PDB file of all heavy atoms in Angstrom:
ATOM      1  N   ILE A   1      -6.855  -3.635  11.378  1.00  0.00           N
ATOM      2  CA  ILE A   1      -7.494  -2.473  10.752  1.00  0.00           C
ATOM      3  C   ILE A   1      -7.263  -1.204  11.550  1.00  0.00           C
ATOM      4  O   ILE A   1      -6.908  -0.155  10.993  1.00  0.00           O
ATOM      5  CB  ILE A   1      -9.016  -2.751  10.590  1.00  0.00           C
ATOM      6  CG1 ILE A   1      -9.245  -3.790   9.465  1.00  0.00           C
ATOM      7  CG2 ILE A   1      -9.771  -1.472  10.268  1.00  0.00           C
ATOM      8  CD1 ILE A   1     -10.673  -4.211   9.298  1.00  0.00           C
ATOM      9  N   VAL A   2      -7.450  -1.275  12.882  1.00  0.00           N
ATOM     10  CA  VAL A   2      -7.239  -0.062  13.692  1.00  0.00           C
ATOM     11  C   VAL A   2      -5.767   0.304  13.793  1.00  0.00           C
ATOM     12  O   VAL A   2      -5.435   1.468  14.117  1.00  0.00           O
ATOM     13  CB  VAL A   2      -7.850  -0.229  15.099  1.00  0.00           C
ATOM     14  CG1 VAL A   2      -9.338  -0.423  15.025  1.00  0.00           C
ATOM     15  CG2 VAL A   2      -7.190  -1.366  15.856  1.00  0.00           C
ATOM     16  N   SER A   3      -4.861  -0.653  13.544  1.00  0.00           N
ATOM     17  CA  SER A   3      -3.431  -0.332  13.600  1.00  0.00           C
ATOM     18  C   SER A   3      -2.904   0.208  12.278  1.00  0.00           C
ATOM     19  O   SER A   3      -1.995   1.044  12.262  1.00  0.00           O
ATOM     20  CB  SER A   3      -2.623  -1.582  13.970  1.00  0.00           C
ATOM     21  OG  SER A   3      -2.984  -2.068  15.228  1.00  0.00           O
ATOM     22  N   GLU A   4      -3.479  -0.233  11.170  1.00  0.00           N
ATOM     23  CA  GLU A   4      -2.925   0.093   9.848  1.00  0.00           C
ATOM     24  C   GLU A   4      -3.553   1.326   9.191  1.00  0.00           C
ATOM     25  O   GLU A   4      -2.893   1.981   8.398  1.00  0.00           O
ATOM     26  CB  GLU A   4      -3.099  -1.117   8.916  1.00  0.00           C
ATOM     27  CG  GLU A   4      -2.143  -2.265   9.196  1.00  0.00           C
ATOM     28  CD  GLU A   4      -0.687  -1.864   9.039  1.00  0.00           C
ATOM     29  OE1 GLU A   4      -0.296  -1.363   7.961  1.00  0.00           O
ATOM     30  OE2 GLU A   4       0.078  -2.022  10.014  1.00  0.00           O
ATOM     31  N   LEU A   5      -4.813   1.638   9.506  1.00  0.00           N
ATOM     32  CA  LEU A   5      -5.429   2.815   8.890  1.00  0.00           C
ATOM     33  C   LEU A   5      -4.700   4.069   9.327  1.00  0.00           C
ATOM     34  O   LEU A   5      -4.583   4.361  10.490  1.00  0.00           O
ATOM     35  CB  LEU A   5      -6.919   2.903   9.291  1.00  0.00           C
ATOM     36  CG  LEU A   5      -7.894   2.023   8.542  1.00  0.00           C
ATOM     37  CD1 LEU A   5      -9.310   2.195   9.099  1.00  0.00           C
ATOM     38  CD2 LEU A   5      -7.878   2.333   7.040  1.00  0.00           C
ATOM     39  N   GLY A   6      -4.191   4.797   8.347  1.00  0.00           N
ATOM     40  CA  GLY A   6      -3.422   5.998   8.625  1.00  0.00           C
ATOM     41  C   GLY A   6      -1.994   5.741   9.060  1.00  0.00           C
ATOM     42  O   GLY A   6      -1.279   6.653   9.453  1.00  0.00           O
ATOM     43  N   ASP A   7      -1.573   4.464   8.945  1.00  0.00           N
ATOM     44  CA  ASP A   7      -0.194   4.116   9.307  1.00  0.00           C
ATOM     45  C   ASP A   7       0.739   4.383   8.116  1.00  0.00           C
ATOM     46  O   ASP A   7       0.287   4.701   7.011  1.00  0.00           O
ATOM     47  CB  ASP A   7      -0.116   2.644   9.721  1.00  0.00           C
ATOM     48  CG  ASP A   7       1.143   2.325  10.496  1.00  0.00           C
ATOM     49  OD1 ASP A   7       1.756   3.271  11.013  1.00  0.00           O
ATOM     50  OD2 ASP A   7       1.510   1.150  10.575  1.00  0.00           O
ATOM     51  N   LYS A   8       2.027   4.202   8.329  1.00  0.00           N
ATOM     52  CA  LYS A   8       3.034   4.500   7.303  1.00  0.00           C
ATOM     53  C   LYS A   8       2.831   3.617   6.080  1.00  0.00           C
ATOM     54  O   LYS A   8       2.919   4.064   4.933  1.00  0.00           O
ATOM     55  CB  LYS A   8       4.417   4.301   7.855  1.00  0.00           C
ATOM     56  CG  LYS A   8       5.518   4.895   6.991  1.00  0.00           C
ATOM     57  CD  LYS A   8       6.843   4.873   7.712  1.00  0.00           C
ATOM     58  CE  LYS A   8       7.916   5.567   6.877  1.00  0.00           C
ATOM     59  NZ  LYS A   8       9.236   5.572   7.543  1.00  0.00           N
ATOM     60  N   THR A   9       2.544   2.314   6.320  1.00  0.00           N
ATOM     61  CA  THR A   9       2.330   1.412   5.171  1.00  0.00           C
ATOM     62  C   THR A   9       1.076   1.788   4.355  1.00  0.00           C
ATOM     63  O   THR A   9       1.037   1.585   3.140  1.00  0.00           O
ATOM     64  CB  THR A   9       2.189  -0.051   5.661  1.00  0.00           C
ATOM     65  OG1 THR A   9       1.198  -0.123   6.672  1.00  0.00           O
ATOM     66  CG2 THR A   9       3.499  -0.541   6.230  1.00  0.00           C
ATOM     67  N   PHE A  10       0.085   2.339   5.033  1.00  0.00           N
ATOM     68  CA  PHE A  10      -1.137   2.786   4.348  1.00  0.00           C
ATOM     69  C   PHE A  10      -0.793   3.948   3.416  1.00  0.00           C
ATOM     70  O   PHE A  10      -1.228   3.987   2.257  1.00  0.00           O
ATOM     71  CB  PHE A  10      -2.173   3.232   5.388  1.00  0.00           C
ATOM     72  CG  PHE A  10      -3.468   3.721   4.795  1.00  0.00           C
ATOM     73  CD1 PHE A  10      -4.496   2.840   4.551  1.00  0.00           C
ATOM     74  CD2 PHE A  10      -3.660   5.056   4.507  1.00  0.00           C
ATOM     75  CE1 PHE A  10      -5.702   3.260   4.018  1.00  0.00           C
ATOM     76  CE2 PHE A  10      -4.854   5.502   3.965  1.00  0.00           C
ATOM     77  CZ  PHE A  10      -5.872   4.598   3.719  1.00  0.00           C
ATOM     78  N   PHE A  11       0.001   4.903   3.894  1.00  0.00           N
ATOM     79  CA  PHE A  11       0.372   6.054   3.082  1.00  0.00           C
ATOM     80  C   PHE A  11       1.279   5.637   1.923  1.00  0.00           C
ATOM     81  O   PHE A  11       1.202   6.226   0.841  1.00  0.00           O
ATOM     82  CB  PHE A  11       1.076   7.115   3.950  1.00  0.00           C
ATOM     83  CG  PHE A  11       0.155   7.837   4.897  1.00  0.00           C
ATOM     84  CD1 PHE A  11       0.508   8.046   6.210  1.00  0.00           C
ATOM     85  CD2 PHE A  11      -1.080   8.311   4.471  1.00  0.00           C
ATOM     86  CE1 PHE A  11      -0.322   8.713   7.074  1.00  0.00           C
ATOM     87  CE2 PHE A  11      -1.917   8.969   5.326  1.00  0.00           C
ATOM     88  CZ  PHE A  11      -1.548   9.177   6.645  1.00  0.00           C
ATOM     89  N   ILE A  12       2.142   4.663   2.169  1.00  0.00           N
ATOM     90  CA  ILE A  12       3.027   4.194   1.084  1.00  0.00           C
ATOM     91  C   ILE A  12       2.198   3.666  -0.082  1.00  0.00           C
ATOM     92  O   ILE A  12       2.429   3.998  -1.249  1.00  0.00           O
ATOM     93  CB  ILE A  12       4.006   3.102   1.605  1.00  0.00           C
ATOM     94  CG1 ILE A  12       5.055   3.751   2.505  1.00  0.00           C
ATOM     95  CG2 ILE A  12       4.672   2.368   0.452  1.00  0.00           C
ATOM     96  CD1 ILE A  12       5.930   2.747   3.249  1.00  0.00           C
ATOM     97  N   ALA A  13       1.227   2.812   0.234  1.00  0.00           N
ATOM     98  CA  ALA A  13       0.373   2.246  -0.820  1.00  0.00           C
ATOM     99  C   ALA A  13      -0.449   3.328  -1.504  1.00  0.00           C
ATOM    100  O   ALA A  13      -0.628   3.325  -2.728  1.00  0.00           O
ATOM    101  CB  ALA A  13      -0.551   1.178  -0.232  1.00  0.00           C
ATOM    102  N   ALA A  14      -0.977   4.284  -0.721  1.00  0.00           N
ATOM    103  CA  ALA A  14      -1.827   5.341  -1.266  1.00  0.00           C
ATOM    104  C   ALA A  14      -1.039   6.246  -2.237  1.00  0.00           C
ATOM    105  O   ALA A  14      -1.537   6.561  -3.346  1.00  0.00           O
ATOM    106  CB  ALA A  14      -2.413   6.185  -0.138  1.00  0.00           C
ATOM    107  N   ILE A  15       0.148   6.658  -1.852  1.00  0.00           N
ATOM    108  CA  ILE A  15       0.916   7.591  -2.675  1.00  0.00           C
ATOM    109  C   ILE A  15       1.474   6.901  -3.921  1.00  0.00           C
ATOM    110  O   ILE A  15       1.430   7.439  -5.024  1.00  0.00           O
ATOM    111  CB  ILE A  15       2.063   8.227  -1.843  1.00  0.00           C
ATOM    112  CG1 ILE A  15       1.451   9.071  -0.719  1.00  0.00           C
ATOM    113  CG2 ILE A  15       2.959   9.079  -2.713  1.00  0.00           C
ATOM    114  CD1 ILE A  15       2.473   9.569   0.286  1.00  0.00           C
ATOM    115  N   MET A  16       1.990   5.661  -3.743  1.00  0.00           N
ATOM    116  CA  MET A  16       2.546   4.957  -4.895  1.00  0.00           C
ATOM    117  C   MET A  16       1.453   4.617  -5.919  1.00  0.00           C
ATOM    118  O   MET A  16       1.705   4.592  -7.120  1.00  0.00           O
ATOM    119  CB  MET A  16       3.241   3.663  -4.433  1.00  0.00           C
ATOM    120  CG  MET A  16       4.550   3.897  -3.714  1.00  0.00           C
ATOM    121  SD  MET A  16       5.551   2.393  -3.573  1.00  0.00           S
ATOM    122  CE  MET A  16       5.990   2.110  -5.304  1.00  0.00           C
ATOM    123  N   ALA A  17       0.235   4.357  -5.434  1.00  0.00           N
ATOM    124  CA  ALA A  17      -0.878   4.036  -6.341  1.00  0.00           C
ATOM    125  C   ALA A  17      -1.257   5.220  -7.205  1.00  0.00           C
ATOM    126  O   ALA A  17      -1.855   5.042  -8.275  1.00  0.00           O
ATOM    127  CB  ALA A  17      -2.064   3.539  -5.545  1.00  0.00           C
ATOM    128  N   MET A  18      -0.958   6.438  -6.747  1.00  0.00           N
ATOM    129  CA  MET A  18      -1.272   7.639  -7.553  1.00  0.00           C
ATOM    130  C   MET A  18      -0.268   7.823  -8.674  1.00  0.00           C
ATOM    131  O   MET A  18      -0.569   8.457  -9.673  1.00  0.00           O
ATOM    132  CB  MET A  18      -1.260   8.865  -6.652  1.00  0.00           C
ATOM    133  CG  MET A  18      -2.397   8.914  -5.644  1.00  0.00           C
ATOM    134  SD  MET A  18      -2.392  10.486  -4.743  1.00  0.00           S
ATOM    135  CE  MET A  18      -0.826  10.403  -3.877  1.00  0.00           C
ATOM    136  N   ARG A  19       0.922   7.248  -8.535  1.00  0.00           N
ATOM    137  CA  ARG A  19       1.978   7.483  -9.529  1.00  0.00           C
ATOM    138  C   ARG A  19       2.166   6.317 -10.476  1.00  0.00           C
ATOM    139  O   ARG A  19       2.588   6.515 -11.621  1.00  0.00           O
ATOM    140  CB  ARG A  19       3.325   7.735  -8.797  1.00  0.00           C
ATOM    141  CG  ARG A  19       3.287   8.894  -7.836  1.00  0.00           C
ATOM    142  CD  ARG A  19       4.671   9.151  -7.282  1.00  0.00           C
ATOM    143  NE  ARG A  19       4.717  10.289  -6.373  1.00  0.00           N
ATOM    144  CZ  ARG A  19       5.829  10.821  -5.900  1.00  0.00           C
ATOM    145  NH1 ARG A  19       6.986  10.304  -6.236  1.00  0.00           N
ATOM    146  NH2 ARG A  19       5.778  11.859  -5.090  1.00  0.00           N
ATOM    147  N   TYR A  20       1.909   5.115  -9.998  1.00  0.00           N
ATOM    148  CA  TYR A  20       2.211   3.924 -10.792  1.00  0.00           C
ATOM    149  C   TYR A  20       0.976   3.032 -10.952  1.00  0.00           C
ATOM    150  O   TYR A  20      -0.095   3.360 -10.430  1.00  0.00           O
ATOM    151  CB  TYR A  20       3.350   3.122 -10.125  1.00  0.00           C
ATOM    152  CG  TYR A  20       4.533   3.959  -9.721  1.00  0.00           C
ATOM    153  CD1 TYR A  20       4.850   4.178  -8.376  1.00  0.00           C
ATOM    154  CD2 TYR A  20       5.331   4.562 -10.696  1.00  0.00           C
ATOM    155  CE1 TYR A  20       5.932   4.949  -8.037  1.00  0.00           C
ATOM    156  CE2 TYR A  20       6.421   5.337 -10.333  1.00  0.00           C
ATOM    157  CZ  TYR A  20       6.726   5.539  -8.994  1.00  0.00           C
ATOM    158  OH  TYR A  20       7.790   6.307  -8.656  1.00  0.00           O
ATOM    159  N   ASN A  21       1.177   1.916 -11.623  1.00  0.00           N
ATOM    160  CA  ASN A  21       0.092   0.970 -11.839  1.00  0.00           C
ATOM    161  C   ASN A  21      -0.406   0.422 -10.487  1.00  0.00           C
ATOM    162  O   ASN A  21       0.368  -0.070  -9.688  1.00  0.00           O
ATOM    163  CB  ASN A  21       0.595  -0.200 -12.715  1.00  0.00           C
ATOM    164  CG  ASN A  21      -0.500  -1.180 -13.048  1.00  0.00           C
ATOM    165  OD1 ASN A  21      -0.776  -2.096 -12.268  1.00  0.00           O
ATOM    166  ND2 ASN A  21      -1.119  -1.007 -14.202  1.00  0.00           N
ATOM    167  N   ARG A  22      -1.731   0.509 -10.270  1.00  0.00           N
ATOM    168  CA  ARG A  22      -2.298   0.142  -8.986  1.00  0.00           C
ATOM    169  C   ARG A  22      -2.127  -1.316  -8.668  1.00  0.00           C
ATOM    170  O   ARG A  22      -1.852  -1.689  -7.518  1.00  0.00           O
ATOM    171  CB  ARG A  22      -3.792   0.528  -8.957  1.00  0.00           C
ATOM    172  CG  ARG A  22      -4.034   2.020  -8.939  1.00  0.00           C
ATOM    173  CD  ARG A  22      -5.524   2.317  -8.907  1.00  0.00           C
ATOM    174  NE  ARG A  22      -5.766   3.748  -8.835  1.00  0.00           N
ATOM    175  CZ  ARG A  22      -6.963   4.305  -8.769  1.00  0.00           C
ATOM    176  NH1 ARG A  22      -8.037   3.528  -8.799  1.00  0.00           N
ATOM    177  NH2 ARG A  22      -7.106   5.595  -8.699  1.00  0.00           N
ATOM    178  N   LEU A  23      -2.303  -2.169  -9.662  1.00  0.00           N
ATOM    179  CA  LEU A  23      -2.196  -3.605  -9.450  1.00  0.00           C
ATOM    180  C   LEU A  23      -0.764  -3.994  -9.054  1.00  0.00           C
ATOM    181  O   LEU A  23      -0.556  -4.867  -8.193  1.00  0.00           O
ATOM    182  CB  LEU A  23      -2.613  -4.367 -10.686  1.00  0.00           C
ATOM    183  CG  LEU A  23      -4.115  -4.370 -11.020  1.00  0.00           C
ATOM    184  CD1 LEU A  23      -4.393  -5.127 -12.298  1.00  0.00           C
ATOM    185  CD2 LEU A  23      -4.919  -4.964  -9.861  1.00  0.00           C
ATOM    186  N   THR A  24       0.217  -3.340  -9.682  1.00  0.00           N
ATOM    187  CA  THR A  24       1.625  -3.613  -9.353  1.00  0.00           C
ATOM    188  C   THR A  24       1.930  -3.195  -7.914  1.00  0.00           C
ATOM    189  O   THR A  24       2.580  -3.932  -7.168  1.00  0.00           O
ATOM    190  CB  THR A  24       2.559  -2.884 -10.331  1.00  0.00           C
ATOM    191  OG1 THR A  24       2.224  -3.237 -11.656  1.00  0.00           O
ATOM    192  CG2 THR A  24       4.012  -3.231 -10.057  1.00  0.00           C
ATOM    193  N   VAL A  25       1.461  -2.012  -7.533  1.00  0.00           N
ATOM    194  CA  VAL A  25       1.666  -1.534  -6.178  1.00  0.00           C
ATOM    195  C   VAL A  25       0.966  -2.433  -5.162  1.00  0.00           C
ATOM    196  O   VAL A  25       1.549  -2.807  -4.135  1.00  0.00           O
ATOM    197  CB  VAL A  25       1.171  -0.079  -6.042  1.00  0.00           C
ATOM    198  CG1 VAL A  25       1.241   0.373  -4.587  1.00  0.00           C
ATOM    199  CG2 VAL A  25       1.987   0.862  -6.910  1.00  0.00           C
ATOM    200  N   LEU A  26      -0.269  -2.816  -5.476  1.00  0.00           N
ATOM    201  CA  LEU A  26      -1.031  -3.684  -4.568  1.00  0.00           C
ATOM    202  C   LEU A  26      -0.353  -5.034  -4.411  1.00  0.00           C
ATOM    203  O   LEU A  26      -0.264  -5.574  -3.294  1.00  0.00           O
ATOM    204  CB  LEU A  26      -2.455  -3.861  -5.096  1.00  0.00           C
ATOM    205  CG  LEU A  26      -3.396  -4.744  -4.255  1.00  0.00           C
ATOM    206  CD1 LEU A  26      -3.627  -4.117  -2.884  1.00  0.00           C
ATOM    207  CD2 LEU A  26      -4.740  -4.933  -4.965  1.00  0.00           C
ATOM    208  N   ALA A  27       0.139  -5.594  -5.509  1.00  0.00           N
ATOM    209  CA  ALA A  27       0.797  -6.896  -5.451  1.00  0.00           C
ATOM    210  C   ALA A  27       2.063  -6.848  -4.621  1.00  0.00           C
ATOM    211  O   ALA A  27       2.312  -7.723  -3.776  1.00  0.00           O
ATOM    212  CB  ALA A  27       1.094  -7.387  -6.866  1.00  0.00           C
ATOM    213  N   GLY A  28       2.887  -5.826  -4.829  1.00  0.00           N
ATOM    214  CA  GLY A  28       4.118  -5.684  -4.059  1.00  0.00           C
ATOM    215  C   GLY A  28       3.871  -5.477  -2.578  1.00  0.00           C
ATOM    216  O   GLY A  28       4.514  -6.104  -1.727  1.00  0.00           O
ATOM    217  N   ALA A  29       2.906  -4.591  -2.267  1.00  0.00           N
ATOM    218  CA  ALA A  29       2.593  -4.305  -0.867  1.00  0.00           C
ATOM    219  C   ALA A  29       1.986  -5.519  -0.161  1.00  0.00           C
ATOM    220  O   ALA A  29       2.359  -5.848   0.985  1.00  0.00           O
ATOM    221  CB  ALA A  29       1.644  -3.117  -0.763  1.00  0.00           C
ATOM    222  N   MET A  30       1.076  -6.235  -0.848  1.00  0.00           N
ATOM    223  CA  MET A  30       0.409  -7.382  -0.224  1.00  0.00           C
ATOM    224  C   MET A  30       1.392  -8.550  -0.034  1.00  0.00           C
ATOM    225  O   MET A  30       1.276  -9.288   0.931  1.00  0.00           O
ATOM    226  CB  MET A  30      -0.782  -7.819  -1.059  1.00  0.00           C
ATOM    227  CG  MET A  30      -2.014  -6.979  -0.832  1.00  0.00           C
ATOM    228  SD  MET A  30      -2.403  -6.742   0.926  1.00  0.00           S
ATOM    229  CE  MET A  30      -2.387  -8.405   1.559  1.00  0.00           C
ATOM    230  N   LEU A  31       2.317  -8.729  -0.956  1.00  0.00           N
ATOM    231  CA  LEU A  31       3.315  -9.786  -0.774  1.00  0.00           C
ATOM    232  C   LEU A  31       4.168  -9.498   0.468  1.00  0.00           C
ATOM    233  O   LEU A  31       4.432 -10.417   1.264  1.00  0.00           O
ATOM    234  CB  LEU A  31       4.201  -9.879  -2.008  1.00  0.00           C
ATOM    235  CG  LEU A  31       5.281 -10.953  -1.973  1.00  0.00           C
ATOM    236  CD1 LEU A  31       4.670 -12.343  -1.821  1.00  0.00           C
ATOM    237  CD2 LEU A  31       6.177 -10.912  -3.198  1.00  0.00           C
ATOM    238  N   ALA A  32       4.551  -8.249   0.647  1.00  0.00           N
ATOM    239  CA  ALA A  32       5.349  -7.871   1.821  1.00  0.00           C
ATOM    240  C   ALA A  32       4.548  -8.044   3.109  1.00  0.00           C
ATOM    241  O   ALA A  32       5.060  -8.604   4.095  1.00  0.00           O
ATOM    242  CB  ALA A  32       5.812  -6.421   1.688  1.00  0.00           C
ATOM    243  N   LEU A  33       3.302  -7.623   3.113  1.00  0.00           N
ATOM    244  CA  LEU A  33       2.474  -7.704   4.316  1.00  0.00           C
ATOM    245  C   LEU A  33       2.105  -9.165   4.605  1.00  0.00           C
ATOM    246  O   LEU A  33       2.054  -9.568   5.778  1.00  0.00           O
ATOM    247  CB  LEU A  33       1.214  -6.870   4.119  1.00  0.00           C
ATOM    248  CG  LEU A  33       1.430  -5.349   4.060  1.00  0.00           C
ATOM    249  CD1 LEU A  33       0.168  -4.634   3.670  1.00  0.00           C
ATOM    250  CD2 LEU A  33       1.924  -4.827   5.410  1.00  0.00           C
ATOM    251  N   GLY A  34       1.843  -9.950   3.569  1.00  0.00           N
ATOM    252  CA  GLY A  34       1.548 -11.366   3.782  1.00  0.00           C
ATOM    253  C   GLY A  34       2.724 -12.117   4.355  1.00  0.00           C
ATOM    254  O   GLY A  34       2.575 -12.943   5.272  1.00  0.00           O
TER     255      GLY A  34
END
């Protein structure tokens, strides 16, 4: 949590979620992180 908040991956998910379907962005990001 302290490493990822405000990190590059955090911003990637935040910006992409504003442009595209949130569930699709969340699924892609979580698969990569998992």
